C-alpha atoms as a PDB file:
ATOM      1  CA  MET A   1      -6.604  61.040 -74.549  1.00  0.00           C
ATOM      2  CA  PRO A   2      -3.957  63.054 -72.688  1.00  0.00           C
ATOM      3  CA  ARG A   3      -4.986  64.797 -69.496  1.00  0.00           C
ATOM      4  CA  GLU A   4      -4.775  68.527 -68.957  1.00  0.00           C
ATOM      5  CA  SER A   5      -1.436  69.954 -67.924  1.00  0.00           C
ATOM      6  CA  TYR A   6       0.065  73.418 -67.610  1.00  0.00           C
ATOM      7  CA  PRO A   7       3.567  74.571 -66.666  1.00  0.00           C
ATOM      8  CA  GLU A   8       2.551  76.617 -63.592  1.00  0.00           C
ATOM      9  CA  VAL A   9      -0.784  75.018 -62.672  1.00  0.00           C
ATOM     10  CA  ASP A  10      -1.783  71.951 -60.668  1.00  0.00           C
ATOM     11  CA  VAL A  11      -4.641  69.941 -62.210  1.00  0.00           C
ATOM     12  CA  ILE A  12      -6.658  67.846 -59.773  1.00  0.00           C
ATOM     13  CA  TYR A  13      -8.934  65.105 -61.072  1.00  0.00           C
ATOM     14  CA  ASP A  14     -11.487  64.036 -58.478  1.00  0.00           C
ATOM     15  CA  SER A  15     -15.181  63.208 -58.298  1.00  0.00           C
ATOM     16  CA  VAL A  16     -18.417  63.931 -56.511  1.00  0.00           C
ATOM     17  CA  THR A  17     -21.264  61.541 -55.889  1.00  0.00           C
ATOM     18  CA  ALA A  18     -24.560  62.070 -57.665  1.00  0.00           C
ATOM     19  CA  PRO A  19     -27.841  61.393 -55.817  1.00  0.00           C
ATOM     20  CA  ASP A  20     -28.007  57.896 -57.339  1.00  0.00           C
ATOM     21  CA  ASP A  21     -24.427  57.180 -56.130  1.00  0.00           C
ATOM     22  CA  LYS A  22     -22.844  57.486 -59.578  1.00  0.00           C
ATOM     23  CA  ARG A  23     -19.421  59.118 -59.627  1.00  0.00           C
ATOM     24  CA  LEU A  24     -19.205  62.413 -61.552  1.00  0.00           C
ATOM     25  CA  ARG A  25     -15.698  63.525 -62.512  1.00  0.00           C
ATOM     26  CA  THR A  26     -14.480  66.939 -61.442  1.00  0.00           C
ATOM     27  CA  ILE A  27     -11.455  68.833 -62.713  1.00  0.00           C
ATOM     28  CA  SER A  28      -9.960  71.577 -60.560  1.00  0.00           C
ATOM     29  CA  THR A  29      -7.002  73.773 -61.320  1.00  0.00           C
ATOM     30  CA  LYS A  30      -4.938  76.037 -59.100  1.00  0.00           C
ATOM     31  CA  PRO A  31      -1.737  78.013 -59.511  1.00  0.00           C
ATOM     32  CA  HIS A  32       1.178  75.751 -58.583  1.00  0.00           C
ATOM     33  CA  ASN A  33       2.706  78.051 -55.978  1.00  0.00           C
ATOM     34  CA  ALA A  34      -0.537  79.224 -54.344  1.00  0.00           C
ATOM     35  CA  THR A  35      -0.082  79.566 -50.591  1.00  0.00           C
ATOM     36  CA  ALA A  36      -3.534  80.851 -49.649  1.00  0.00           C
ATOM     37  CA  LYS A  37      -7.078  79.811 -50.510  1.00  0.00           C
ATOM     38  CA  LEU A  38      -8.156  81.364 -53.804  1.00  0.00           C
ATOM     39  CA  PRO A  39     -11.482  82.409 -55.310  1.00  0.00           C
ATOM     40  CA  VAL A  40     -12.973  79.888 -57.696  1.00  0.00           C
ATOM     41  CA  ILE A  41     -14.720  80.002 -61.055  1.00  0.00           C
ATOM     42  CA  PHE A  42     -17.352  77.249 -60.982  1.00  0.00           C
ATOM     43  CA  VAL A  43     -18.413  76.172 -64.480  1.00  0.00           C
ATOM     44  CA  GLU A  44     -21.928  75.082 -65.414  1.00  0.00           C
ATOM     45  CA  ARG A  45     -21.879  73.688 -68.877  1.00  0.00           C
ATOM     46  CA  TRP A  46     -23.999  73.387 -71.953  1.00  0.00           C
ATOM     47  CA  LEU A  47     -26.623  70.812 -72.852  1.00  0.00           C
ATOM     48  CA  SER A  48     -24.615  68.376 -75.034  1.00  0.00           C
ATOM     49  CA  CYS A  49     -22.561  65.423 -73.898  1.00  0.00           C
ATOM     50  CA  ASP A  50     -19.092  66.893 -74.506  1.00  0.00           C
ATOM     51  CA  SER A  51     -16.431  66.812 -71.806  1.00  0.00           C
ATOM     52  CA  VAL A  52     -15.245  69.934 -69.998  1.00  0.00           C
ATOM     53  CA  GLU A  53     -11.696  68.569 -70.094  1.00  0.00           C
ATOM     54  CA  ALA A  54      -9.345  70.672 -72.215  1.00  0.00           C
ATOM     55  CA  PRO A  55      -6.009  68.937 -72.835  1.00  0.00           C
ATOM     56  CA  GLY A  56      -3.270  70.548 -74.911  1.00  0.00           C
ATOM     57  CA  GLY A  57      -4.200  70.751 -78.577  1.00  0.00           C
ATOM     58  CA  THR A  58      -7.844  71.540 -77.799  1.00  0.00           C
ATOM     59  CA  GLU A  59      -9.354  73.571 -80.637  1.00  0.00           C
ATOM     60  CA  ASP A  60     -12.968  74.179 -79.560  1.00  0.00           C
ATOM     61  CA  SER A  61     -13.797  77.602 -78.132  1.00  0.00           C
ATOM     62  CA  ALA A  62     -14.961  76.346 -74.712  1.00  0.00           C
ATOM     63  CA  GLY A  63     -11.817  74.266 -74.290  1.00  0.00           C
ATOM     64  CA  LEU A  64      -9.620  77.202 -75.254  1.00  0.00           C
ATOM     65  CA  ALA A  65     -11.455  79.400 -72.742  1.00  0.00           C
ATOM     66  CA  PHE A  66     -10.994  76.760 -70.022  1.00  0.00           C
ATOM     67  CA  ARG A  67      -7.270  76.594 -70.771  1.00  0.00           C
ATOM     68  CA  GLU A  68      -6.995  80.377 -70.366  1.00  0.00           C
ATOM     69  CA  LEU A  69      -9.076  80.430 -67.173  1.00  0.00           C
ATOM     70  CA  ALA A  70      -7.071  77.550 -65.707  1.00  0.00           C
ATOM     71  CA  GLN A  71      -3.919  79.648 -65.969  1.00  0.00           C
ATOM     72  CA  LEU A  72      -5.205  82.727 -64.118  1.00  0.00           C
ATOM     73  CA  ARG A  73      -2.728  83.509 -61.342  1.00  0.00           C
ATOM     74  CA  ASP A  74      -5.246  84.436 -58.645  1.00  0.00           C
ATOM     75  CA  PHE A  75      -8.111  81.996 -59.273  1.00  0.00           C
ATOM     76  CA  CYS A  76      -8.976  78.319 -59.233  1.00  0.00           C
ATOM     77  CA  LEU A  77     -11.188  76.765 -61.908  1.00  0.00           C
ATOM     78  CA  PHE A  78     -13.692  74.000 -61.113  1.00  0.00           C
ATOM     79  CA  ARG A  79     -15.534  71.912 -63.717  1.00  0.00           C
ATOM     80  CA  MET A  80     -17.677  68.779 -63.631  1.00  0.00           C
ATOM     81  CA  ASP A  81     -18.416  66.277 -66.380  1.00  0.00           C
ATOM     82  CA  LYS A  82     -22.055  65.247 -66.339  1.00  0.00           C
ATOM     83  CA  GLU A  83     -23.166  61.622 -66.167  1.00  0.00           C
ATOM     84  CA  GLY A  84     -21.642  59.434 -68.880  1.00  0.00           C
ATOM     85  CA  VAL A  85     -19.119  62.065 -70.019  1.00  0.00           C
ATOM     86  CA  GLY A  86     -15.354  61.822 -69.552  1.00  0.00           C
ATOM     87  CA  ASP A  87     -14.740  59.514 -66.609  1.00  0.00           C
ATOM     88  CA  SER A  88     -18.195  60.120 -65.100  1.00  0.00           C
ATOM     89  CA  GLU A  89     -20.359  57.063 -64.601  1.00  0.00           C
ATOM     90  CA  GLY A  90     -23.714  56.596 -66.278  1.00  0.00           C
ATOM     91  CA  ILE A  91     -25.272  57.412 -69.618  1.00  0.00           C
ATOM     92  CA  CYS A  92     -25.409  61.068 -70.633  1.00  0.00           C
ATOM     93  CA  SER A  93     -28.493  60.749 -72.826  1.00  0.00           C
ATOM     94  CA  GLU A  94     -30.475  59.532 -69.806  1.00  0.00           C
ATOM     95  CA  ASN A  95     -29.860  62.764 -67.846  1.00  0.00           C
ATOM     96  CA  ASP A  96     -32.824  64.971 -67.078  1.00  0.00           C
ATOM     97  CA  PHE A  97     -32.876  68.502 -65.706  1.00  0.00           C
ATOM     98  CA  ASP A  98     -33.422  67.519 -62.067  1.00  0.00           C
ATOM     99  CA  TYR A  99     -30.647  64.931 -62.148  1.00  0.00           C
ATOM    100  CA  GLU A 100     -28.177  67.323 -63.756  1.00  0.00           C
ATOM    101  CA  LEU A 101     -29.047  70.096 -61.290  1.00  0.00           C
ATOM    102  CA  ALA A 102     -28.561  67.688 -58.371  1.00  0.00           C
ATOM    103  CA  GLY A 103     -25.114  66.771 -59.718  1.00  0.00           C
ATOM    104  CA  TYR A 104     -24.115  70.431 -59.928  1.00  0.00           C
ATOM    105  CA  ARG A 105     -25.376  70.981 -56.394  1.00  0.00           C
ATOM    106  CA  SER A 106     -23.189  68.114 -55.173  1.00  0.00           C
ATOM    107  CA  ALA A 107     -20.223  69.604 -57.006  1.00  0.00           C
ATOM    108  CA  PHE A 108     -20.924  73.081 -55.612  1.00  0.00           C
ATOM    109  CA  ARG A 109     -21.064  71.735 -52.056  1.00  0.00           C
ATOM    110  CA  SER A 110     -17.763  69.922 -52.618  1.00  0.00           C
ATOM    111  CA  LEU A 111     -15.904  73.225 -53.087  1.00  0.00           C
ATOM    112  CA  LYS A 112     -15.536  73.486 -49.301  1.00  0.00           C
ATOM    113  CA  ARG A 113     -13.561  70.257 -49.047  1.00  0.00           C
ATOM    114  CA  HIS A 114     -10.687  71.615 -51.162  1.00  0.00           C
ATOM    115  CA  ASP A 115      -8.058  73.306 -49.007  1.00  0.00           C
ATOM    116  CA  PHE A 116      -6.961  75.580 -51.868  1.00  0.00           C
ATOM    117  CA  ILE A 117     -10.432  76.984 -52.689  1.00  0.00           C
ATOM    118  CA  ASP A 118     -12.020  79.907 -50.871  1.00  0.00           C
ATOM    119  CA  ALA A 119     -15.623  78.763 -51.336  1.00  0.00           C
ATOM    120  CA  SER A 120     -16.871  82.080 -49.925  1.00  0.00           C
ATOM    121  CA  LYS A 121     -15.597  83.695 -53.129  1.00  0.00           C
ATOM    122  CA  THR A 122     -17.276  81.665 -55.844  1.00  0.00           C
ATOM    123  CA  TYR A 123     -17.981  83.021 -59.325  1.00  0.00           C
ATOM    124  CA  ILE A 124     -20.340  80.916 -61.417  1.00  0.00           C
ATOM    125  CA  LEU A 125     -19.722  80.736 -65.165  1.00  0.00           C
ATOM    126  CA  GLY A 126     -22.825  79.455 -66.936  1.00  0.00           C
ATOM    127  CA  ILE A 127     -22.308  78.476 -70.553  1.00  0.00           C
ATOM    128  CA  SER A 128     -25.357  78.155 -72.820  1.00  0.00           C
ATOM    129  CA  ASN A 129     -27.943  76.049 -70.958  1.00  0.00           C
ATOM    130  CA  GLY A 130     -25.795  76.318 -67.818  1.00  0.00           C
ATOM    131  CA  GLY A 131     -26.296  80.066 -67.797  1.00  0.00           C
ATOM    132  CA  GLY A 132     -30.039  79.591 -67.611  1.00  0.00           C
ATOM    133  CA  PHE A 133     -30.012  77.569 -64.417  1.00  0.00           C
ATOM    134  CA  ALA A 134     -26.825  78.902 -62.764  1.00  0.00           C
ATOM    135  CA  PRO A 135     -28.731  80.701 -59.966  1.00  0.00           C
ATOM    136  CA  LEU A 136     -30.495  77.439 -59.029  1.00  0.00           C
ATOM    137  CA  VAL A 137     -27.298  75.617 -58.061  1.00  0.00           C
ATOM    138  CA  PRO A 138     -26.590  77.369 -54.738  1.00  0.00           C
ATOM    139  CA  GLU A 139     -29.638  76.042 -52.904  1.00  0.00           C
ATOM    140  CA  THR A 140     -29.459  77.422 -49.352  1.00  0.00           C
ATOM    141  CA  ASP A 141     -29.022  80.991 -48.142  1.00  0.00           C
ATOM    142  CA  ALA A 142     -25.494  80.117 -46.971  1.00  0.00           C
ATOM    143  CA  GLU A 143     -24.620  78.714 -50.419  1.00  0.00           C
ATOM    144  CA  GLN A 144     -26.105  81.751 -52.153  1.00  0.00           C
ATOM    145  CA  ASN A 145     -23.909  83.963 -49.953  1.00  0.00           C
ATOM    146  CA  GLN A 146     -20.821  82.175 -51.319  1.00  0.00           C
ATOM    147  CA  VAL A 147     -21.512  83.491 -54.816  1.00  0.00           C
ATOM    148  CA  ARG A 148     -19.795  86.778 -55.647  1.00  0.00           C
ATOM    149  CA  GLY A 149     -21.061  86.961 -59.216  1.00  0.00           C
ATOM    150  CA  TYR A 150     -22.451  85.201 -62.265  1.00  0.00           C
ATOM    151  CA  MET A 151     -21.009  85.210 -65.770  1.00  0.00           C
ATOM    152  CA  VAL A 152     -23.213  83.949 -68.581  1.00  0.00           C
ATOM    153  CA  VAL A 153     -22.114  82.977 -72.078  1.00  0.00           C
ATOM    154  CA  PRO A 154     -25.115  82.444 -74.392  1.00  0.00           C
ATOM    155  CA  ALA A 155     -25.288  79.634 -76.925  1.00  0.00           C
ATOM    156  CA  GLY A 156     -24.052  80.289 -80.376  1.00  0.00           C
END
């Protein structure tokens, strides 16, 4: 399957480590000519085992929304594929709530290691099930202070 690409956007494929040492794929985007750290939209996804990757030709509504968000001029977009999805290691159907939450917490903490992301200006986009537990991801007071707002898209 082709990877994501955009004319004016850099797409960075990376990973974070889950508590059981499995690698969980992350996909970050940033405007190509960005010279300063930018705010980030951190995506928490739905319950199913679909990827958050949105290559050209994507027709599902979440993928189309990701493609639009990835091309915002003044923001970065950060997504993570859960265990067993995309290039993430493991078996998706074996995920439980605690494991998935721990993976998102690892991904959230990784925002600070990206030199193009201003982690102090994080907006969390929770889609479906992800909207229900979005406030649980930033665990410490310092992490909660990074969040500037929550956006929730209900299922359906």
